Protein backbone atom coordinates (compact mmCIF):
# COMPACT_ATOMS: atom_id res chain seq x y z
CA UNK A 1 0.00 0.00 0.00
CA UNK A 2 1.01 3.60 -0.52
CA UNK A 3 1.82 6.16 2.09
CA UNK A 4 -0.94 7.31 4.38
CA UNK A 5 -1.53 11.04 4.43
CA UNK A 6 -3.50 12.74 7.12
CA UNK A 7 -5.26 16.05 7.04
CA UNK A 8 -4.02 18.37 9.76
CA UNK A 9 -6.62 19.33 12.35
CA UNK A 10 -8.40 22.63 11.66
CA UNK A 11 -6.91 25.70 13.23
CA UNK A 12 -8.85 28.21 15.21
CA UNK A 13 -9.45 31.03 12.76
CA UNK A 14 -11.35 34.21 13.38
CA UNK A 15 -13.88 35.01 10.67
CA UNK A 16 -14.17 38.70 9.81
CA UNK A 17 -16.98 40.27 7.77
CA UNK A 18 -16.61 43.63 6.07
CA UNK A 19 -19.17 45.76 4.25
CA UNK A 20 -17.58 48.16 1.78
CA UNK A 21 -19.42 50.99 0.04
CA UNK A 22 -19.20 51.47 -3.73
CA UNK A 23 -16.58 54.21 -3.21
CA UNK A 24 -14.31 51.76 -1.33
CA UNK A 25 -14.97 53.11 2.17
CA UNK A 26 -15.62 50.54 4.88
CA UNK A 27 -19.15 50.89 6.24
CA UNK A 28 -18.94 48.12 8.86
CA UNK A 29 -16.61 45.35 9.98
CA UNK A 30 -16.92 42.69 12.64
CA UNK A 31 -17.36 39.03 13.56
CA UNK A 32 -21.15 38.71 13.26
CA UNK A 33 -22.56 37.29 10.01
CA UNK A 34 -26.03 38.48 10.96
CA UNK A 35 -24.90 42.06 11.52
CA UNK A 36 -22.84 41.98 8.34
CA UNK A 37 -25.90 41.16 6.24
CA UNK A 38 -27.93 43.85 8.02
CA UNK A 39 -25.25 46.47 7.34
CA UNK A 40 -24.92 45.28 3.75
CA UNK A 41 -28.59 46.05 3.12
CA UNK A 42 -28.27 49.42 4.88
CA UNK A 43 -25.45 50.38 2.53
CA UNK A 44 -25.80 52.25 -0.71
CA UNK A 45 -26.31 50.56 -4.08
CA UNK A 46 -23.02 48.99 -5.09
CA UNK A 47 -21.97 47.98 -1.56
CA UNK A 48 -19.97 44.71 -1.31
CA UNK A 49 -19.82 42.09 1.46
CA UNK A 50 -16.47 40.39 2.06
CA UNK A 51 -15.53 37.51 4.35
CA UNK A 52 -11.98 36.74 5.45
CA UNK A 53 -10.26 34.36 7.84
CA UNK A 54 -7.64 35.54 10.30
CA UNK A 55 -5.17 33.70 12.47
CA UNK A 56 -4.19 35.52 15.61
CA UNK A 57 -1.70 35.18 18.40
CA UNK A 58 -1.49 37.25 21.55
CA UNK A 59 -0.13 40.27 19.68
CA UNK A 60 -1.13 40.34 16.01
CA UNK A 61 -3.70 38.99 13.59
CA UNK A 62 -2.74 37.80 10.12
CA UNK A 63 -5.08 37.16 7.17
CA UNK A 64 -5.28 33.62 5.84
CA UNK A 65 -5.61 33.78 2.06
CA UNK A 66 -7.67 36.44 0.35
CA UNK A 67 -11.04 37.91 1.21
CA UNK A 68 -14.05 36.31 -0.46
CA UNK A 69 -16.60 38.64 -2.07
CA UNK A 70 -20.00 37.16 -1.18
CA UNK A 71 -22.10 39.99 -2.62
CA UNK A 72 -23.59 37.98 -5.50
CA UNK A 73 -24.37 35.03 -3.21
CA UNK A 74 -26.19 37.22 -0.68
CA UNK A 75 -28.09 38.97 -3.46
CA UNK A 76 -29.14 35.62 -4.96
CA UNK A 77 -30.40 34.37 -1.60
CA UNK A 78 -32.27 37.61 -1.03
CA UNK A 79 -33.93 37.24 -4.43
CA UNK A 80 -35.53 33.97 -3.29
CA UNK A 81 -37.41 35.59 -0.42
């Protein structure tokens, strides 16, 4: 048999949500998905909703990968209501 590979256990990441206005200014940022969606709908037309993962130690936080733009997904879900 071949080598056995294991998947490392998941790390504890902090998830950060950010609502950005069409002009690029941040309207809201935080750890609550519910609040992020609320602020997204309060924003002006063209606002975007991003999600990112962060790894933190006692001093600093570092992004893991790139932010994900979920605007189209949220808009599609909203369209079903």
